[in-house]
Amino acid sequence: PVRLYRSGENGPPVLLLHGGALDTAEGVWRSVAPTLARDYRVHAIDLPRHGASRPWPGDLNSEFFQTLISDLLEQLNFPRVAIIGLSLGGGIGIGYALQHPDRVSALVAIGPGDSVDIETDAALSEGVAAVGGEARARHVYVETGARESVLAAWRETLADRAWVVSRDEAIAAGWFGDRIGAAVRPRIGDVV
């Protein structure tokens, strides 16, 4: 289940969506929610695989998040809601507002996550065997002999929106700590 935090008794509804990695609703919005609650009914969730909304099976892609937000608004009986999202939450808010403009009364996207859908972008799927991780750290596992072409395609497609490096570059830069054992090395994507 998704952990939901509520504050505020009156006013229009506001949904707060935090960022990825170690973010949680309580951690990100703890000083914002009480101020908003003076004039709004504030609802914040721990996104799946964050805070109290774990463990969470399955893929967390744009379609999943759109369904999650729609289901949440139905459960809360909100025909429309203002969404405030930080980083990943901002990207989710943008995606939801574009697909469901009738359900979003306002949108504030703070440093929104990227809106590239790696599952449907042809340039990002050529030569790719599998993709793991989450929006801030994708591990791309490539088909035999495709590492250089996949690395080049991801760098070109994502340009200045993301750092795209090879496994060796990520390890050399210390992205995964100072010491990488033989058992861990193959678990890191060929492209990160």
N, C-alpha and C. Protein backbone atom coordinates (compact mmCIF):
# COMPACT_ATOMS: atom_id res chain seq x y z
N PRO A 1 0.82 -1.20 0.00
CA PRO A 1 0.00 0.00 0.00
C PRO A 1 0.86 1.27 0.00
N VAL A 2 0.27 2.32 -0.48
CA VAL A 2 0.94 3.61 -0.53
C VAL A 2 0.69 4.35 0.78
N ARG A 3 1.75 4.88 1.38
CA ARG A 3 1.62 5.64 2.63
C ARG A 3 1.15 7.04 2.28
N LEU A 4 0.05 7.47 2.91
CA LEU A 4 -0.55 8.77 2.67
C LEU A 4 -0.50 9.61 3.94
N TYR A 5 -0.05 10.84 3.80
CA TYR A 5 -0.02 11.81 4.90
C TYR A 5 -1.03 12.90 4.57
N ARG A 6 -1.82 13.33 5.56
CA ARG A 6 -2.84 14.35 5.36
C ARG A 6 -2.68 15.48 6.37
N SER A 7 -2.97 16.70 5.90
CA SER A 7 -3.05 17.84 6.82
C SER A 7 -3.92 18.90 6.17
N GLY A 8 -4.56 19.71 6.99
CA GLY A 8 -5.45 20.75 6.48
C GLY A 8 -6.87 20.25 6.36
N GLU A 9 -7.81 21.07 6.79
CA GLU A 9 -9.22 20.69 6.80
C GLU A 9 -10.03 21.37 5.71
N ASN A 10 -9.57 22.53 5.23
CA ASN A 10 -10.38 23.34 4.32
C ASN A 10 -9.58 23.71 3.08
N GLY A 11 -10.34 24.10 2.06
CA GLY A 11 -9.71 24.57 0.83
C GLY A 11 -9.58 23.48 -0.21
N PRO A 12 -9.08 23.86 -1.37
CA PRO A 12 -8.93 22.88 -2.45
C PRO A 12 -7.83 21.87 -2.12
N PRO A 13 -7.90 20.69 -2.73
CA PRO A 13 -6.89 19.67 -2.46
C PRO A 13 -5.58 19.92 -3.20
N VAL A 14 -4.49 19.57 -2.52
CA VAL A 14 -3.14 19.65 -3.08
C VAL A 14 -2.47 18.29 -2.85
N LEU A 15 -1.81 17.78 -3.87
CA LEU A 15 -1.06 16.52 -3.78
C LEU A 15 0.42 16.83 -3.91
N LEU A 16 1.20 16.39 -2.92
CA LEU A 16 2.64 16.61 -2.92
C LEU A 16 3.35 15.32 -3.31
N LEU A 17 4.24 15.39 -4.31
CA LEU A 17 4.99 14.24 -4.79
C LEU A 17 6.48 14.51 -4.63
N HIS A 18 7.17 13.69 -3.86
CA HIS A 18 8.60 13.89 -3.59
C HIS A 18 9.46 13.36 -4.74
N GLY A 19 10.78 13.52 -4.59
CA GLY A 19 11.73 13.05 -5.59
C GLY A 19 12.09 11.59 -5.38
N GLY A 20 13.08 11.13 -6.14
CA GLY A 20 13.50 9.74 -6.08
C GLY A 20 14.60 9.51 -5.06
N ALA A 21 15.32 8.42 -5.25
CA ALA A 21 16.44 8.00 -4.40
C ALA A 21 15.97 7.83 -2.95
N LEU A 22 16.49 8.63 -2.03
CA LEU A 22 16.18 8.47 -0.61
C LEU A 22 15.06 9.38 -0.13
N ASP A 23 14.43 10.13 -1.03
CA ASP A 23 13.37 11.04 -0.63
C ASP A 23 12.16 10.30 -0.07
N THR A 24 11.45 10.98 0.85
CA THR A 24 10.17 10.52 1.38
C THR A 24 9.27 11.73 1.50
N ALA A 25 7.97 11.51 1.57
CA ALA A 25 7.04 12.62 1.72
C ALA A 25 7.31 13.38 3.01
N GLU A 26 7.47 12.65 4.09
CA GLU A 26 7.69 13.28 5.39
C GLU A 26 8.99 14.09 5.41
N GLY A 27 10.04 13.56 4.82
CA GLY A 27 11.32 14.25 4.82
C GLY A 27 11.34 15.49 3.94
N VAL A 28 10.75 15.40 2.75
CA VAL A 28 10.79 16.51 1.80
C VAL A 28 9.80 17.62 2.15
N TRP A 29 8.60 17.25 2.57
CA TRP A 29 7.52 18.23 2.72
C TRP A 29 7.24 18.63 4.16
N ARG A 30 8.05 18.22 5.13
CA ARG A 30 7.75 18.46 6.55
C ARG A 30 7.59 19.93 6.92
N SER A 31 8.30 20.84 6.25
CA SER A 31 8.12 22.25 6.58
C SER A 31 7.17 22.95 5.61
N VAL A 32 6.88 22.32 4.49
CA VAL A 32 5.99 22.92 3.49
C VAL A 32 4.52 22.60 3.79
N ALA A 33 4.26 21.35 4.13
CA ALA A 33 2.88 20.90 4.33
C ALA A 33 2.12 21.71 5.38
N PRO A 34 2.69 21.99 6.56
CA PRO A 34 1.93 22.76 7.56
C PRO A 34 1.55 24.16 7.07
N THR A 35 2.43 24.79 6.31
CA THR A 35 2.12 26.12 5.78
C THR A 35 0.98 26.04 4.77
N LEU A 36 1.06 25.07 3.86
CA LEU A 36 -0.01 24.89 2.87
C LEU A 36 -1.33 24.51 3.54
N ALA A 37 -1.25 23.75 4.63
CA ALA A 37 -2.46 23.25 5.31
C ALA A 37 -3.31 24.36 5.91
N ARG A 38 -2.78 25.56 6.02
CA ARG A 38 -3.60 26.68 6.51
C ARG A 38 -4.73 27.01 5.55
N ASP A 39 -4.48 26.79 4.25
CA ASP A 39 -5.46 27.16 3.22
C ASP A 39 -5.88 26.03 2.30
N TYR A 40 -5.25 24.84 2.43
CA TYR A 40 -5.53 23.74 1.51
C TYR A 40 -5.64 22.43 2.27
N ARG A 41 -6.29 21.46 1.63
CA ARG A 41 -6.28 20.08 2.13
C ARG A 41 -5.08 19.41 1.47
N VAL A 42 -4.05 19.17 2.26
CA VAL A 42 -2.77 18.69 1.74
C VAL A 42 -2.67 17.18 1.89
N HIS A 43 -2.28 16.53 0.81
CA HIS A 43 -2.06 15.08 0.80
C HIS A 43 -0.69 14.83 0.20
N ALA A 44 0.13 14.06 0.91
CA ALA A 44 1.46 13.70 0.42
C ALA A 44 1.60 12.19 0.52
N ILE A 45 2.21 11.59 -0.48
CA ILE A 45 2.40 10.14 -0.44
C ILE A 45 3.89 9.82 -0.49
N ASP A 46 4.23 8.68 0.11
CA ASP A 46 5.53 8.08 -0.14
C ASP A 46 5.36 7.31 -1.44
N LEU A 47 6.08 7.72 -2.48
CA LEU A 47 5.98 7.01 -3.75
C LEU A 47 6.41 5.56 -3.56
N PRO A 48 5.92 4.65 -4.38
CA PRO A 48 6.32 3.25 -4.28
C PRO A 48 7.84 3.10 -4.25
N ARG A 49 8.31 2.19 -3.39
CA ARG A 49 9.71 1.91 -3.12
C ARG A 49 10.42 3.03 -2.36
N HIS A 50 9.65 3.90 -1.71
CA HIS A 50 10.20 4.98 -0.89
C HIS A 50 9.49 4.98 0.46
N GLY A 51 10.22 5.37 1.49
CA GLY A 51 9.62 5.52 2.81
C GLY A 51 8.80 4.32 3.23
N ALA A 52 7.55 4.56 3.61
CA ALA A 52 6.67 3.49 4.10
C ALA A 52 5.90 2.78 2.98
N SER A 53 6.22 3.08 1.73
CA SER A 53 5.56 2.42 0.59
C SER A 53 6.47 1.38 -0.03
N ARG A 54 7.03 0.53 0.82
CA ARG A 54 7.87 -0.55 0.33
C ARG A 54 7.63 -1.80 1.14
N PRO A 55 7.98 -2.94 0.64
CA PRO A 55 8.51 -3.17 -0.70
C PRO A 55 7.42 -2.96 -1.75
N TRP A 56 7.82 -2.88 -3.00
CA TRP A 56 6.86 -2.68 -4.09
C TRP A 56 7.31 -3.47 -5.29
N PRO A 57 6.52 -4.45 -5.72
CA PRO A 57 6.92 -5.27 -6.87
C PRO A 57 6.56 -4.59 -8.19
N GLY A 58 7.14 -5.08 -9.25
CA GLY A 58 6.76 -4.64 -10.59
C GLY A 58 7.51 -3.42 -11.07
N ASP A 59 7.19 -3.02 -12.30
CA ASP A 59 7.83 -1.88 -12.95
C ASP A 59 7.20 -0.58 -12.52
N LEU A 60 8.03 0.43 -12.35
CA LEU A 60 7.55 1.77 -12.03
C LEU A 60 7.83 2.65 -13.24
N ASN A 61 6.93 2.62 -14.21
CA ASN A 61 7.09 3.42 -15.42
C ASN A 61 6.00 4.49 -15.48
N SER A 62 6.00 5.29 -16.55
CA SER A 62 5.03 6.39 -16.61
C SER A 62 3.59 5.90 -16.57
N GLU A 63 3.31 4.82 -17.24
CA GLU A 63 1.94 4.28 -17.22
C GLU A 63 1.54 3.89 -15.80
N PHE A 64 2.46 3.26 -15.07
CA PHE A 64 2.19 2.88 -13.68
C PHE A 64 1.84 4.10 -12.84
N PHE A 65 2.67 5.17 -12.95
CA PHE A 65 2.44 6.35 -12.12
C PHE A 65 1.14 7.06 -12.49
N GLN A 66 0.78 7.07 -13.76
CA GLN A 66 -0.50 7.68 -14.15
C GLN A 66 -1.66 6.93 -13.53
N THR A 67 -1.59 5.61 -13.56
CA THR A 67 -2.64 4.80 -12.95
C THR A 67 -2.66 5.00 -11.44
N LEU A 68 -1.48 5.04 -10.82
CA LEU A 68 -1.40 5.26 -9.38
C LEU A 68 -2.07 6.57 -8.97
N ILE A 69 -1.76 7.66 -9.68
CA ILE A 69 -2.33 8.97 -9.33
C ILE A 69 -3.84 8.97 -9.58
N SER A 70 -4.27 8.40 -10.71
CA SER A 70 -5.72 8.32 -10.99
C SER A 70 -6.46 7.55 -9.91
N ASP A 71 -5.91 6.39 -9.53
CA ASP A 71 -6.54 5.57 -8.48
C ASP A 71 -6.57 6.32 -7.14
N LEU A 72 -5.49 7.00 -6.82
CA LEU A 72 -5.44 7.76 -5.58
C LEU A 72 -6.50 8.86 -5.56
N LEU A 73 -6.61 9.60 -6.66
CA LEU A 73 -7.62 10.67 -6.72
C LEU A 73 -9.03 10.12 -6.61
N GLU A 74 -9.26 8.94 -7.19
CA GLU A 74 -10.58 8.29 -7.06
C GLU A 74 -10.85 7.92 -5.60
N GLN A 75 -9.86 7.32 -4.94
CA GLN A 75 -10.03 6.92 -3.54
C GLN A 75 -10.27 8.12 -2.63
N LEU A 76 -9.63 9.24 -2.94
CA LEU A 76 -9.79 10.44 -2.13
C LEU A 76 -11.01 11.25 -2.55
N ASN A 77 -11.67 10.83 -3.63
CA ASN A 77 -12.84 11.51 -4.16
C ASN A 77 -12.51 12.96 -4.57
N PHE A 78 -11.38 13.11 -5.26
CA PHE A 78 -10.96 14.41 -5.78
C PHE A 78 -11.15 14.43 -7.29
N PRO A 79 -12.14 15.18 -7.79
CA PRO A 79 -12.27 15.27 -9.25
C PRO A 79 -11.09 16.02 -9.87
N ARG A 80 -10.55 17.00 -9.12
CA ARG A 80 -9.39 17.77 -9.58
C ARG A 80 -8.47 18.04 -8.39
N VAL A 81 -7.18 18.19 -8.68
CA VAL A 81 -6.21 18.42 -7.61
C VAL A 81 -5.07 19.28 -8.16
N ALA A 82 -4.50 20.10 -7.29
CA ALA A 82 -3.26 20.80 -7.62
C ALA A 82 -2.12 19.86 -7.25
N ILE A 83 -1.13 19.73 -8.12
CA ILE A 83 0.00 18.84 -7.87
C ILE A 83 1.27 19.68 -7.73
N ILE A 84 2.01 19.42 -6.66
CA ILE A 84 3.33 20.01 -6.48
C ILE A 84 4.31 18.84 -6.42
N GLY A 85 5.25 18.83 -7.36
CA GLY A 85 6.20 17.73 -7.42
C GLY A 85 7.63 18.20 -7.46
N LEU A 86 8.50 17.48 -6.76
CA LEU A 86 9.93 17.76 -6.73
C LEU A 86 10.67 16.66 -7.49
N SER A 87 11.52 17.03 -8.43
CA SER A 87 12.37 16.10 -9.16
C SER A 87 11.52 15.00 -9.81
N LEU A 88 11.69 13.75 -9.39
CA LEU A 88 10.89 12.66 -9.93
C LEU A 88 9.40 12.96 -9.81
N GLY A 89 8.98 13.50 -8.66
CA GLY A 89 7.58 13.86 -8.45
C GLY A 89 7.11 14.92 -9.43
N GLY A 90 7.99 15.86 -9.79
CA GLY A 90 7.66 16.87 -10.78
C GLY A 90 7.45 16.24 -12.15
N GLY A 91 8.31 15.29 -12.50
CA GLY A 91 8.15 14.57 -13.77
C GLY A 91 6.86 13.77 -13.81
N ILE A 92 6.52 13.12 -12.70
CA ILE A 92 5.26 12.37 -12.61
C ILE A 92 4.09 13.34 -12.76
N GLY A 93 4.17 14.49 -12.09
CA GLY A 93 3.10 15.50 -12.18
C GLY A 93 2.92 16.00 -13.60
N ILE A 94 4.01 16.28 -14.29
CA ILE A 94 3.93 16.75 -15.68
C ILE A 94 3.28 15.69 -16.56
N GLY A 95 3.74 14.45 -16.43
CA GLY A 95 3.17 13.35 -17.22
C GLY A 95 1.68 13.19 -16.97
N TYR A 96 1.29 13.27 -15.68
CA TYR A 96 -0.13 13.12 -15.34
C TYR A 96 -0.95 14.28 -15.89
N ALA A 97 -0.43 15.50 -15.75
CA ALA A 97 -1.17 16.68 -16.24
C ALA A 97 -1.33 16.65 -17.75
N LEU A 98 -0.33 16.15 -18.46
CA LEU A 98 -0.42 16.08 -19.93
C LEU A 98 -1.46 15.04 -20.36
N GLN A 99 -1.55 13.94 -19.63
CA GLN A 99 -2.49 12.88 -19.98
C GLN A 99 -3.89 13.11 -19.41
N HIS A 100 -3.99 13.86 -18.32
CA HIS A 100 -5.27 14.06 -17.63
C HIS A 100 -5.46 15.53 -17.26
N PRO A 101 -5.46 16.44 -18.23
CA PRO A 101 -5.56 17.86 -17.90
C PRO A 101 -6.84 18.24 -17.16
N ASP A 102 -7.89 17.46 -17.36
CA ASP A 102 -9.16 17.73 -16.67
C ASP A 102 -9.09 17.42 -15.17
N ARG A 103 -8.10 16.65 -14.74
CA ARG A 103 -7.99 16.26 -13.32
C ARG A 103 -7.02 17.14 -12.55
N VAL A 104 -6.26 18.02 -13.25
CA VAL A 104 -5.22 18.82 -12.60
C VAL A 104 -5.62 20.30 -12.64
N SER A 105 -5.84 20.88 -11.46
CA SER A 105 -6.23 22.29 -11.38
C SER A 105 -5.02 23.22 -11.46
N ALA A 106 -3.87 22.74 -11.03
CA ALA A 106 -2.63 23.52 -11.08
C ALA A 106 -1.46 22.55 -10.96
N LEU A 107 -0.29 22.98 -11.47
CA LEU A 107 0.89 22.13 -11.40
C LEU A 107 2.10 22.99 -11.10
N VAL A 108 2.86 22.58 -10.09
CA VAL A 108 4.16 23.18 -9.80
C VAL A 108 5.17 22.05 -9.87
N ALA A 109 6.07 22.12 -10.86
CA ALA A 109 7.10 21.09 -11.04
C ALA A 109 8.46 21.71 -10.70
N ILE A 110 9.04 21.27 -9.60
CA ILE A 110 10.31 21.82 -9.12
C ILE A 110 11.43 20.88 -9.55
N GLY A 111 12.29 21.33 -10.46
CA GLY A 111 13.39 20.48 -10.94
C GLY A 111 12.88 19.14 -11.40
N PRO A 112 11.91 19.12 -12.33
CA PRO A 112 11.26 17.86 -12.70
C PRO A 112 12.22 16.83 -13.28
N GLY A 113 11.90 15.58 -13.02
CA GLY A 113 12.65 14.49 -13.62
C GLY A 113 12.43 14.49 -15.12
N ASP A 114 13.31 13.83 -15.82
CA ASP A 114 13.26 13.80 -17.28
C ASP A 114 12.00 13.10 -17.77
N SER A 115 11.52 13.52 -18.93
CA SER A 115 10.31 12.93 -19.47
C SER A 115 10.60 11.96 -20.62
N VAL A 116 11.85 11.56 -20.81
CA VAL A 116 12.18 10.57 -21.85
C VAL A 116 11.70 9.21 -21.37
N ASP A 117 10.92 8.54 -22.20
CA ASP A 117 10.44 7.21 -21.87
C ASP A 117 11.39 6.20 -22.50
N ILE A 118 12.27 5.62 -21.71
CA ILE A 118 13.29 4.74 -22.25
C ILE A 118 12.70 3.45 -22.83
N GLU A 119 11.46 3.14 -22.48
CA GLU A 119 10.85 1.92 -22.99
C GLU A 119 10.31 2.09 -24.40
N THR A 120 10.02 3.31 -24.82
CA THR A 120 9.43 3.52 -26.14
C THR A 120 10.34 4.29 -27.10
N ASP A 121 11.45 4.84 -26.62
CA ASP A 121 12.36 5.59 -27.47
C ASP A 121 13.26 4.60 -28.21
N ALA A 122 13.10 4.53 -29.55
CA ALA A 122 13.83 3.56 -30.36
C ALA A 122 15.34 3.71 -30.22
N ALA A 123 15.83 4.94 -30.13
CA ALA A 123 17.27 5.17 -30.02
C ALA A 123 17.84 4.59 -28.73
N LEU A 124 17.02 4.49 -27.70
CA LEU A 124 17.49 3.99 -26.42
C LEU A 124 17.28 2.48 -26.25
N SER A 125 16.59 1.84 -27.18
CA SER A 125 16.35 0.40 -27.03
C SER A 125 17.21 -0.45 -27.97
N GLU A 126 17.77 0.14 -28.99
CA GLU A 126 18.62 -0.59 -29.94
C GLU A 126 19.83 -1.18 -29.23
N GLY A 127 20.00 -2.49 -29.28
CA GLY A 127 21.15 -3.16 -28.68
C GLY A 127 21.05 -3.37 -27.17
N VAL A 128 19.92 -3.01 -26.58
CA VAL A 128 19.74 -3.13 -25.12
C VAL A 128 19.06 -4.46 -24.80
N ALA A 129 19.66 -5.21 -23.89
CA ALA A 129 19.07 -6.47 -23.45
C ALA A 129 18.11 -6.26 -22.29
N ALA A 130 18.47 -5.37 -21.35
CA ALA A 130 17.62 -5.10 -20.17
C ALA A 130 18.04 -3.78 -19.55
N VAL A 131 17.09 -3.18 -18.81
CA VAL A 131 17.36 -1.95 -18.08
C VAL A 131 16.87 -2.14 -16.65
N GLY A 132 17.70 -1.78 -15.69
CA GLY A 132 17.33 -1.88 -14.28
C GLY A 132 17.54 -0.56 -13.59
N GLY A 133 17.32 -0.53 -12.30
CA GLY A 133 17.50 0.68 -11.51
C GLY A 133 16.26 1.54 -11.50
N GLU A 134 16.43 2.82 -11.14
CA GLU A 134 15.32 3.76 -11.12
C GLU A 134 15.73 5.02 -11.86
N ALA A 135 14.85 5.99 -11.94
CA ALA A 135 15.05 7.15 -12.82
C ALA A 135 16.38 7.87 -12.60
N ARG A 136 16.88 7.90 -11.39
CA ARG A 136 18.14 8.61 -11.15
C ARG A 136 19.38 7.79 -11.45
N ALA A 137 19.25 6.49 -11.53
CA ALA A 137 20.41 5.63 -11.80
C ALA A 137 19.97 4.39 -12.56
N ARG A 138 19.96 4.50 -13.87
CA ARG A 138 19.60 3.37 -14.73
C ARG A 138 20.83 2.50 -14.97
N HIS A 139 20.64 1.19 -14.92
CA HIS A 139 21.68 0.24 -15.29
C HIS A 139 21.24 -0.39 -16.60
N VAL A 140 22.00 -0.13 -17.66
CA VAL A 140 21.66 -0.63 -18.99
C VAL A 140 22.56 -1.81 -19.31
N TYR A 141 21.95 -2.96 -19.53
CA TYR A 141 22.68 -4.17 -19.87
C TYR A 141 22.52 -4.39 -21.36
N VAL A 142 23.63 -4.49 -22.08
CA VAL A 142 23.58 -4.49 -23.54
C VAL A 142 23.79 -5.88 -24.13
N GLU A 143 23.36 -6.02 -25.37
CA GLU A 143 23.58 -7.26 -26.11
C GLU A 143 25.06 -7.36 -26.46
N THR A 144 25.54 -8.56 -26.68
CA THR A 144 26.95 -8.79 -26.99
C THR A 144 27.41 -7.91 -28.15
N GLY A 145 28.50 -7.20 -27.90
CA GLY A 145 29.11 -6.37 -28.93
C GLY A 145 28.46 -5.01 -29.15
N ALA A 146 27.46 -4.66 -28.36
CA ALA A 146 26.72 -3.42 -28.60
C ALA A 146 27.06 -2.29 -27.62
N ARG A 147 28.03 -2.51 -26.72
CA ARG A 147 28.30 -1.53 -25.66
C ARG A 147 28.61 -0.14 -26.21
N GLU A 148 29.51 -0.03 -27.16
CA GLU A 148 29.91 1.28 -27.67
C GLU A 148 28.77 2.00 -28.38
N SER A 149 27.98 1.27 -29.17
CA SER A 149 26.87 1.92 -29.88
C SER A 149 25.76 2.33 -28.93
N VAL A 150 25.49 1.51 -27.91
CA VAL A 150 24.47 1.86 -26.91
C VAL A 150 24.93 3.07 -26.10
N LEU A 151 26.19 3.07 -25.69
CA LEU A 151 26.74 4.19 -24.93
C LEU A 151 26.62 5.48 -25.75
N ALA A 152 26.97 5.43 -27.02
CA ALA A 152 26.89 6.61 -27.89
C ALA A 152 25.45 7.08 -28.06
N ALA A 153 24.51 6.14 -28.28
CA ALA A 153 23.10 6.49 -28.48
C ALA A 153 22.51 7.13 -27.23
N TRP A 154 22.80 6.57 -26.05
CA TRP A 154 22.28 7.12 -24.80
C TRP A 154 22.87 8.51 -24.55
N ARG A 155 24.17 8.67 -24.81
CA ARG A 155 24.79 9.99 -24.62
C ARG A 155 24.16 11.02 -25.56
N GLU A 156 23.96 10.64 -26.80
CA GLU A 156 23.39 11.59 -27.78
C GLU A 156 21.94 11.91 -27.45
N THR A 157 21.14 10.91 -27.13
CA THR A 157 19.71 11.11 -26.87
C THR A 157 19.48 11.91 -25.59
N LEU A 158 20.22 11.60 -24.55
CA LEU A 158 20.01 12.27 -23.27
C LEU A 158 20.83 13.55 -23.13
N ALA A 159 21.83 13.73 -24.00
CA ALA A 159 22.64 14.94 -24.09
C ALA A 159 22.97 15.51 -22.72
N ASP A 160 22.52 16.74 -22.42
CA ASP A 160 22.86 17.38 -21.16
C ASP A 160 21.84 17.11 -20.05
N ARG A 161 20.90 16.20 -20.28
CA ARG A 161 19.89 15.90 -19.26
C ARG A 161 20.33 14.84 -18.27
N ALA A 162 21.37 14.09 -18.61
CA ALA A 162 21.81 13.02 -17.73
C ALA A 162 23.28 12.70 -17.99
N TRP A 163 23.97 12.24 -16.96
CA TRP A 163 25.32 11.72 -17.14
C TRP A 163 25.17 10.30 -17.62
N VAL A 164 25.82 9.99 -18.72
CA VAL A 164 25.81 8.64 -19.25
C VAL A 164 27.26 8.19 -19.35
N VAL A 165 27.57 7.12 -18.64
CA VAL A 165 28.94 6.63 -18.59
C VAL A 165 28.95 5.12 -18.73
N SER A 166 30.14 4.60 -19.07
CA SER A 166 30.30 3.14 -19.12
C SER A 166 30.47 2.62 -17.70
N ARG A 167 30.36 1.32 -17.54
CA ARG A 167 30.57 0.70 -16.23
C ARG A 167 31.95 1.07 -15.68
N ASP A 168 32.98 0.96 -16.53
CA ASP A 168 34.34 1.26 -16.08
C ASP A 168 34.48 2.71 -15.64
N GLU A 169 33.85 3.63 -16.36
CA GLU A 169 33.91 5.04 -15.98
C GLU A 169 33.21 5.28 -14.64
N ALA A 170 32.08 4.64 -14.43
CA ALA A 170 31.33 4.79 -13.17
C ALA A 170 32.14 4.25 -12.00
N ILE A 171 32.78 3.10 -12.19
CA ILE A 171 33.58 2.50 -11.12
C ILE A 171 34.79 3.38 -10.83
N ALA A 172 35.47 3.85 -11.88
CA ALA A 172 36.65 4.71 -11.71
C ALA A 172 36.29 6.01 -10.99
N ALA A 173 35.08 6.52 -11.22
CA ALA A 173 34.64 7.77 -10.58
C ALA A 173 34.15 7.53 -9.15
N GLY A 174 34.09 6.27 -8.72
CA GLY A 174 33.67 5.97 -7.35
C GLY A 174 32.17 6.02 -7.13
N TRP A 175 31.36 5.90 -8.18
CA TRP A 175 29.90 5.97 -8.05
C TRP A 175 29.35 4.87 -7.14
N PHE A 176 30.04 3.75 -7.03
CA PHE A 176 29.53 2.62 -6.27
C PHE A 176 30.43 2.28 -5.09
N GLY A 177 31.21 3.25 -4.64
CA GLY A 177 32.10 3.05 -3.51
C GLY A 177 33.54 2.85 -3.94
N ASP A 178 34.39 2.68 -2.94
CA ASP A 178 35.82 2.59 -3.20
C ASP A 178 36.26 1.21 -3.71
N ARG A 179 35.57 0.19 -3.24
CA ARG A 179 35.98 -1.18 -3.61
C ARG A 179 34.81 -1.92 -4.23
N ILE A 180 35.02 -2.43 -5.41
CA ILE A 180 33.99 -3.21 -6.11
C ILE A 180 34.51 -4.64 -6.24
N GLY A 181 33.84 -5.58 -5.61
CA GLY A 181 34.24 -6.97 -5.67
C GLY A 181 33.86 -7.62 -6.98
N ALA A 182 34.47 -8.76 -7.24
CA ALA A 182 34.23 -9.50 -8.49
C ALA A 182 32.77 -9.91 -8.64
N ALA A 183 32.09 -10.17 -7.54
CA ALA A 183 30.68 -10.58 -7.61
C ALA A 183 29.76 -9.40 -7.91
N VAL A 184 30.19 -8.18 -7.55
CA VAL A 184 29.35 -7.00 -7.74
C VAL A 184 29.52 -6.41 -9.14
N ARG A 185 30.72 -6.43 -9.66
CA ARG A 185 31.02 -5.79 -10.95
C ARG A 185 30.03 -6.15 -12.07
N PRO A 186 29.71 -7.42 -12.30
CA PRO A 186 28.77 -7.73 -13.41
C PRO A 186 27.33 -7.29 -13.15
N ARG A 187 27.01 -6.97 -11.90
CA ARG A 187 25.66 -6.50 -11.60
C ARG A 187 25.47 -5.04 -11.96
N ILE A 188 26.58 -4.31 -12.12
CA ILE A 188 26.51 -2.91 -12.55
C ILE A 188 26.27 -2.91 -14.06
N GLY A 189 25.40 -2.06 -14.53
CA GLY A 189 25.08 -2.02 -15.96
C GLY A 189 26.30 -1.74 -16.81
N ASP A 190 26.25 -2.21 -18.08
CA ASP A 190 27.32 -1.92 -19.04
C ASP A 190 27.38 -0.42 -19.28
N VAL A 191 26.21 0.23 -19.24
CA VAL A 191 26.07 1.68 -19.37
C VAL A 191 25.26 2.13 -18.18
N VAL A 192 25.68 3.21 -17.53
CA VAL A 192 24.99 3.72 -16.36
C VAL A 192 24.57 5.16 -16.63
